[in-house]
């Protein structure tokens, strides 16, 4: 009976997601009402995906849809929640790898640090004034939503490079709920050369091979921010994504989820993207596979990592990954990801 209720609850959640995130979602690209309905109803695609995947010329049956992605979120059950919550995720991962330190969190109107007691907002500001830079993140959301960078430099305060006063930051902290404040890490020079006004992370996907049952690296992209996304690099906010050659660590041209342009150079910095080699790529792959093997109960992990002068820092891990950044380079319904989803009964 309990399993039946759980199944009904899952179906109910998917039904609500279908209406909220597919039927009523606000699209970036303009398409006709009938094209949108056709994309939404026949396969669970977003209207944006109709444009991104060029369904006028490509067979949509070769692509995974937005609804397929939502169904894939349950592959890691019952451990999926561990990766979806940034606090729980950090507490697990910091045993094995460098992660940004959490200095403060707000939960149910109480602000505290990790294990030492309550904090006032003046205490939080003292932390900022000591550290100079902090990231504010919601601990249960994704896609860069609600992420802000606070800075204190030369006795001046900033939110995302915008000058503000001290009280404005305190007001911001009070108005937002369910957040953590964590340290900023220094990214490697190669990432700064791409674009130095955002933190440019790698989305690296590991999964358990359905044929060998061994973990493998399936896919990786370099995410690169733009002036519109400062301080983050998320593709869902208009950042760029460049596919990483898994053998060599070389970057492809960059693409964007908000337009159909192709970028061999960064549109703001004018620095090269295509052909850039990620430093120490072989060691990065080895370390990430070793880390994945520390979590044998997770069948699929989408890692967000930043390369520092000293190695890897894992920003977060996710129990699923949006399919857009993968399928910008071709459909996956009958590729390795589709086969993986099918094996785990996320799709037919």
Protein backbone atom coordinates (compact mmCIF):
# COMPACT_ATOMS: atom_id res chain seq x y z
CA UNK A 1 0.00 0.00 0.00
CA UNK A 2 2.83 2.38 0.89
CA UNK A 3 4.60 1.72 -2.40
CA UNK A 4 1.36 2.37 -4.27
CA UNK A 5 0.94 5.73 -2.51
CA UNK A 6 4.55 6.66 -3.31
CA UNK A 7 3.95 5.84 -6.95
CA UNK A 8 0.79 7.96 -6.99
CA UNK A 9 2.68 10.84 -5.37
CA UNK A 10 5.42 10.62 -7.99
CA UNK A 11 2.86 10.64 -10.81
CA UNK A 12 1.16 13.63 -9.21
CA UNK A 13 4.44 15.56 -8.98
CA UNK A 14 5.24 14.81 -12.61
CA UNK A 15 1.77 15.93 -13.65
CA UNK A 16 2.21 19.26 -11.85
CA UNK A 17 5.69 19.71 -13.33
CA UNK A 18 4.31 19.05 -16.79
CA UNK A 19 1.81 21.88 -16.45
CA UNK A 20 4.04 24.33 -14.55
CA UNK A 21 7.36 23.78 -16.33
CA UNK A 22 6.23 22.81 -19.83
CA UNK A 23 2.71 24.02 -20.66
CA UNK A 24 2.83 27.33 -18.76
CA UNK A 25 6.57 28.00 -18.84
CA UNK A 26 7.73 31.31 -20.28
CA UNK A 27 9.71 30.67 -23.45
CA UNK A 28 12.74 32.58 -24.74
CA UNK A 29 12.02 31.98 -28.44
CA UNK A 30 8.96 33.17 -30.31
CA UNK A 31 6.92 30.41 -31.91
CA UNK A 32 3.30 30.17 -32.92
CA UNK A 33 0.74 29.02 -30.38
CA UNK A 34 0.08 25.85 -32.36
CA UNK A 35 3.79 25.05 -32.64
CA UNK A 36 4.10 25.43 -28.87
CA UNK A 37 1.13 23.13 -28.26
CA UNK A 38 2.48 20.56 -30.71
CA UNK A 39 5.87 20.58 -28.95
CA UNK A 40 4.33 20.47 -25.46
CA UNK A 41 1.70 17.81 -26.03
CA UNK A 42 3.45 15.46 -28.44
CA UNK A 43 6.51 14.42 -26.48
CA UNK A 44 6.77 16.94 -23.64
CA UNK A 45 9.16 19.32 -25.41
CA UNK A 46 9.47 23.00 -24.62
CA UNK A 47 8.76 25.46 -27.40
CA UNK A 48 12.37 26.62 -26.92
CA UNK A 49 13.57 23.09 -27.65
CA UNK A 50 11.66 23.15 -30.94
CA UNK A 51 13.98 26.01 -31.97
CA UNK A 52 17.19 24.87 -30.24
CA UNK A 53 17.02 21.40 -31.77
CA UNK A 54 15.80 22.72 -35.13
CA UNK A 55 12.80 20.42 -35.42
CA UNK A 56 12.02 21.93 -38.81
CA UNK A 57 14.97 19.94 -40.13
CA UNK A 58 15.68 17.35 -37.40
CA UNK A 59 13.53 14.43 -36.27
CA UNK A 60 12.27 15.18 -32.75
CA UNK A 61 12.03 11.45 -32.10
CA UNK A 62 15.83 11.43 -31.87
CA UNK A 63 15.81 13.86 -28.92
CA UNK A 64 15.08 13.60 -25.22
CA UNK A 65 12.43 16.05 -24.07
CA UNK A 66 12.10 18.28 -21.04
CA UNK A 67 9.59 15.84 -19.57
CA UNK A 68 12.07 12.97 -20.06
CA UNK A 69 14.54 14.95 -17.96
CA UNK A 70 12.00 15.37 -15.15
CA UNK A 71 11.34 11.62 -15.13
CA UNK A 72 15.09 10.94 -14.93
CA UNK A 73 15.30 12.76 -11.59
CA UNK A 74 14.09 9.62 -9.82
CA UNK A 75 16.86 7.33 -11.09
CA UNK A 76 18.91 7.81 -7.89
CA UNK A 77 16.01 7.05 -5.53
CA UNK A 78 15.99 6.84 -2.55
CA UNK A 79 19.24 8.82 -2.34
CA UNK A 80 18.40 11.59 -4.82
CA UNK A 81 17.63 14.14 -2.07
CA UNK A 82 21.25 13.99 -0.86
CA UNK A 83 22.51 15.77 -3.96
CA UNK A 84 19.58 18.16 -4.36
CA UNK A 85 20.19 19.91 -1.05
CA UNK A 86 23.39 21.99 -1.11
CA UNK A 87 24.00 21.65 2.64
CA UNK A 88 23.62 17.86 2.72
CA UNK A 89 25.66 17.58 -0.47
CA UNK A 90 28.53 19.65 0.92
CA UNK A 91 28.55 17.76 4.23
CA UNK A 92 28.96 14.48 2.33
CA UNK A 93 31.47 15.61 -0.25
CA UNK A 94 33.84 17.54 2.01
CA UNK A 95 35.06 14.20 3.40
CA UNK A 96 36.58 13.39 0.01
CA UNK A 97 37.25 16.56 -1.96
CA UNK A 98 37.68 20.32 -1.63
CA UNK A 99 34.34 22.14 -1.42
CA UNK A 100 33.59 25.82 -0.75
CA UNK A 101 33.29 26.40 2.99
CA UNK A 102 29.83 27.30 4.27
CA UNK A 103 30.10 30.25 6.71
CA UNK A 104 26.43 30.81 7.49
CA UNK A 105 22.96 29.51 6.74
CA UNK A 106 19.44 30.75 7.24
CA UNK A 107 16.67 28.27 7.98
CA UNK A 108 13.23 29.13 9.40
CA UNK A 109 14.36 32.69 10.19
CA UNK A 110 17.34 31.49 12.24
CA UNK A 111 20.83 32.38 11.06
CA UNK A 112 23.67 30.16 12.27
CA UNK A 113 27.02 28.80 11.27
CA UNK A 114 27.89 25.17 10.76
CA UNK A 115 27.97 23.76 14.25
CA UNK A 116 29.11 26.66 16.43
CA UNK A 117 26.00 28.67 17.20
CA UNK A 118 23.69 31.49 16.24
CA UNK A 119 24.74 34.48 14.20
CA UNK A 120 23.41 38.02 14.09
CA UNK A 121 23.36 39.91 10.80
CA UNK A 122 26.22 42.02 12.16
CA UNK A 123 28.14 38.76 12.66
CA UNK A 124 27.45 37.85 9.04
CA UNK A 125 28.73 41.22 7.89
CA UNK A 126 31.88 40.72 9.95
CA UNK A 127 32.46 37.45 8.09
CA UNK A 128 32.06 39.26 4.77
CA UNK A 129 34.44 42.02 5.85
CA UNK A 130 37.02 39.39 6.80
CA UNK A 131 36.61 37.17 3.73
CA UNK A 132 36.02 40.04 1.23
CA UNK A 133 33.89 37.84 -1.07
CA UNK A 134 30.99 35.49 -0.35
CA UNK A 135 28.38 33.75 -2.45
CA UNK A 136 24.76 33.66 -1.30
CA UNK A 137 22.86 30.63 -2.61
CA UNK A 138 19.46 29.08 -1.90
CA UNK A 139 20.17 25.62 -0.53
CA UNK A 140 17.37 23.88 -2.44
CA UNK A 141 17.25 25.56 -5.85
CA UNK A 142 19.19 25.25 -9.09
CA UNK A 143 19.97 26.92 -12.44
CA UNK A 144 21.71 29.82 -10.72
CA UNK A 145 18.42 31.07 -9.32
CA UNK A 146 18.84 33.30 -6.27
CA UNK A 147 22.65 33.33 -6.42
CA UNK A 148 24.38 36.60 -5.52
CA UNK A 149 27.97 37.60 -4.90
CA UNK A 150 28.69 39.93 -1.99
CA UNK A 151 31.99 41.79 -1.91
CA UNK A 152 33.78 44.12 0.48
CA UNK A 153 36.71 45.98 -1.05
CA UNK A 154 38.38 49.23 0.03
CA UNK A 155 35.69 49.81 2.68
CA UNK A 156 32.95 49.55 0.03
CA UNK A 157 30.21 46.97 -0.35
CA UNK A 158 28.96 45.35 -3.56
CA UNK A 159 26.23 42.98 -4.71
CA UNK A 160 27.14 41.46 -8.09
CA UNK A 161 29.57 44.34 -8.73
CA UNK A 162 26.90 46.96 -7.99
CA UNK A 163 27.97 49.38 -5.22
CA UNK A 164 25.62 49.29 -2.22
CA UNK A 165 25.75 50.28 1.42
CA UNK A 166 26.07 47.92 4.38
CA UNK A 167 22.38 48.08 5.24
CA UNK A 168 21.42 47.07 1.70
CA UNK A 169 23.23 43.75 2.10
CA UNK A 170 21.60 43.14 5.49
CA UNK A 171 18.20 43.96 3.96
CA UNK A 172 18.93 41.53 1.13
CA UNK A 173 19.79 38.78 3.61
CA UNK A 174 16.61 39.41 5.61
CA UNK A 175 14.32 39.48 2.58
CA UNK A 176 15.58 36.20 1.14
CA UNK A 177 14.89 32.83 2.75
CA UNK A 178 16.67 29.46 2.93
CA UNK A 179 20.16 30.54 1.96
CA UNK A 180 23.75 29.66 2.62
CA UNK A 181 26.78 31.94 2.48
CA UNK A 182 29.87 30.21 1.21
CA UNK A 183 33.39 31.15 0.27
CA UNK A 184 34.47 32.08 -3.22
CA UNK A 185 37.39 30.16 -4.66
CA UNK A 186 40.10 31.39 -6.98
CA UNK A 187 39.63 29.93 -10.44
CA UNK A 188 42.51 28.86 -12.64
CA UNK A 189 43.99 31.36 -15.08
CA UNK A 190 42.56 29.49 -18.07
CA UNK A 191 39.03 30.22 -16.75
CA UNK A 192 39.86 33.85 -16.10
CA UNK A 193 41.15 34.17 -19.65
CA UNK A 194 37.80 32.92 -20.94
CA UNK A 195 35.94 35.59 -18.93
CA UNK A 196 37.14 36.96 -15.60
CA UNK A 197 33.92 38.53 -14.33
CA UNK A 198 32.16 35.22 -13.67
CA UNK A 199 33.09 31.91 -12.08
CA UNK A 200 33.33 29.51 -15.01
CA UNK A 201 32.54 25.97 -13.94
CA UNK A 202 32.66 22.59 -15.61
CA UNK A 203 29.51 20.46 -15.73
CA UNK A 204 30.86 16.90 -15.76
CA UNK A 205 28.45 13.96 -15.86
CA UNK A 206 29.29 10.55 -14.46
CA UNK A 207 27.01 7.53 -14.72
CA UNK A 208 27.13 3.81 -14.06
CA UNK A 209 27.60 2.09 -17.41
CA UNK A 210 24.60 -0.17 -18.07
CA UNK A 211 26.81 -2.83 -19.70
CA UNK A 212 29.81 -2.97 -17.32
CA UNK A 213 28.23 -1.56 -14.14
CA UNK A 214 31.39 0.57 -13.77
CA UNK A 215 31.28 4.34 -13.39
CA UNK A 216 32.37 6.39 -16.37
CA UNK A 217 32.51 10.00 -17.48
CA UNK A 218 29.72 10.40 -20.02
CA UNK A 219 29.82 14.08 -20.97
CA UNK A 220 31.36 17.41 -19.97
CA UNK A 221 30.95 21.05 -20.89
CA UNK A 222 32.76 24.20 -19.91
CA UNK A 223 30.26 26.82 -18.79
CA UNK A 224 31.24 30.43 -19.35
CA UNK A 225 29.43 33.49 -18.05
CA UNK A 226 28.73 36.70 -19.92
CA UNK A 227 28.02 40.28 -18.88
CA UNK A 228 24.31 39.35 -18.67
CA UNK A 229 24.90 36.49 -16.19
CA UNK A 230 27.37 38.05 -13.71
CA UNK A 231 28.32 36.55 -11.25
CA UNK A 232 27.27 33.05 -12.44
CA UNK A 233 27.78 31.11 -15.65
CA UNK A 234 24.56 29.09 -15.92
CA UNK A 235 23.38 28.26 -19.42
CA UNK A 236 19.78 28.63 -18.27
CA UNK A 237 20.51 32.31 -17.54
CA UNK A 238 22.12 32.96 -20.90
CA UNK A 239 25.66 31.77 -20.28
CA UNK A 240 27.73 29.95 -22.88
CA UNK A 241 28.49 26.23 -23.01
CA UNK A 242 31.43 24.65 -24.80
CA UNK A 243 31.70 20.90 -25.23
CA UNK A 244 34.84 19.33 -23.77
CA UNK A 245 36.59 16.61 -25.73
CA UNK A 246 36.75 13.84 -23.13
CA UNK A 247 40.01 12.48 -24.50
CA UNK A 248 41.98 15.71 -24.83
CA UNK A 249 40.22 18.33 -22.67
CA UNK A 250 39.92 20.66 -25.67
CA UNK A 251 37.01 23.09 -25.89
CA UNK A 252 34.69 23.27 -28.88
CA UNK A 253 32.98 26.42 -30.09
CA UNK A 254 30.53 27.77 -27.52
CA UNK A 255 26.76 27.89 -27.85
CA UNK A 256 23.92 29.47 -25.91
CA UNK A 257 20.45 28.32 -24.87
CA UNK A 258 19.01 31.80 -25.46
CA UNK A 259 20.05 32.23 -29.09
CA UNK A 260 21.36 30.22 -32.05
CA UNK A 261 24.74 31.94 -32.31
CA UNK A 262 28.02 30.05 -32.32
CA UNK A 263 30.98 31.63 -30.51
CA UNK A 264 34.57 30.76 -31.32
CA UNK A 265 35.58 33.74 -29.14
CA UNK A 266 33.91 35.18 -26.07
CA UNK A 267 31.43 37.93 -27.04
CA UNK A 268 32.55 40.21 -24.20
CA UNK A 269 36.24 39.45 -23.58
CA UNK A 270 36.97 38.57 -27.24
CA UNK A 271 39.28 35.85 -25.93
CA UNK A 272 39.44 32.45 -27.66
CA UNK A 273 37.13 29.65 -26.57
CA UNK A 274 37.45 27.05 -29.31
CA UNK A 275 40.73 25.17 -29.01
CA UNK A 276 41.44 26.08 -25.37
CA UNK A 277 42.81 23.10 -23.44
CA UNK A 278 41.70 22.52 -19.85
CA UNK A 279 44.88 22.08 -17.77
CA UNK A 280 45.57 18.76 -16.05
CA UNK A 281 42.57 17.16 -17.75
CA UNK A 282 43.75 13.57 -17.25
CA UNK A 283 44.18 14.14 -13.51
CA UNK A 284 40.77 15.81 -13.33
CA UNK A 285 39.09 12.80 -14.94
CA UNK A 286 40.92 10.39 -12.63
CA UNK A 287 40.02 12.36 -9.51
CA UNK A 288 36.36 12.70 -10.50
CA UNK A 289 36.00 8.96 -11.14
CA UNK A 290 37.64 8.21 -7.80
CA UNK A 291 35.19 10.61 -6.14
CA UNK A 292 32.21 9.06 -7.91
CA UNK A 293 33.23 5.64 -6.63
CA UNK A 294 32.96 7.01 -3.08
CA UNK A 295 29.20 7.33 -3.74
CA UNK A 296 28.25 3.88 -5.08
CA UNK A 297 24.56 4.41 -4.32
CA UNK A 298 24.31 7.21 -6.93
CA UNK A 299 23.83 5.96 -10.49
CA UNK A 300 23.99 9.39 -12.12
CA UNK A 301 25.71 12.56 -10.92
CA UNK A 302 26.02 15.91 -12.68
CA UNK A 303 29.04 17.54 -11.04
CA UNK A 304 29.69 21.29 -11.02
CA UNK A 305 33.40 21.76 -10.51
CA UNK A 306 35.76 24.68 -10.70
CA UNK A 307 39.43 24.32 -11.52
CA UNK A 308 41.66 26.24 -9.12
CA UNK A 309 45.43 26.81 -9.16
CA UNK A 310 45.65 23.92 -6.66
CA UNK A 311 43.30 21.42 -8.28
CA UNK A 312 39.57 20.73 -8.13
CA UNK A 313 36.87 22.31 -6.01
CA UNK A 314 33.40 20.74 -6.23
CA UNK A 315 30.79 23.49 -6.11
CA UNK A 316 27.86 21.07 -6.00
CA UNK A 317 26.55 17.79 -7.31
CA UNK A 318 23.15 17.19 -8.88
CA UNK A 319 21.05 14.08 -9.21
CA UNK A 320 20.12 14.96 -12.80
CA UNK A 321 21.15 17.33 -15.57
CA UNK A 322 19.12 19.36 -18.01
CA UNK A 323 19.28 17.76 -21.45
CA UNK A 324 19.61 21.01 -23.41
CA UNK A 325 23.34 21.50 -22.81
CA UNK A 326 23.93 17.91 -23.93
CA UNK A 327 21.70 17.89 -27.00
CA UNK A 328 22.99 21.14 -28.47
CA UNK A 329 25.43 18.73 -30.12
CA UNK A 330 22.88 16.14 -31.23
CA UNK A 331 19.93 14.08 -30.04
CA UNK A 332 20.40 11.47 -27.32
CA UNK A 333 17.15 9.48 -27.27
CA UNK A 334 18.89 6.61 -29.00
CA UNK A 335 22.37 7.51 -27.78
CA UNK A 336 24.09 6.53 -24.55
CA UNK A 337 22.02 8.82 -22.32
CA UNK A 338 18.74 7.61 -23.82
CA UNK A 339 19.84 3.99 -23.34
CA UNK A 340 20.71 4.80 -19.72
CA UNK A 341 17.30 6.40 -19.12
CA UNK A 342 15.60 3.44 -20.79
CA UNK A 343 17.52 0.94 -18.68
CA UNK A 344 16.30 2.73 -15.55
CA UNK A 345 12.74 2.99 -16.91
CA UNK A 346 12.71 6.78 -17.05
CA UNK A 347 11.64 6.51 -20.71
CA UNK A 348 10.38 3.71 -22.97
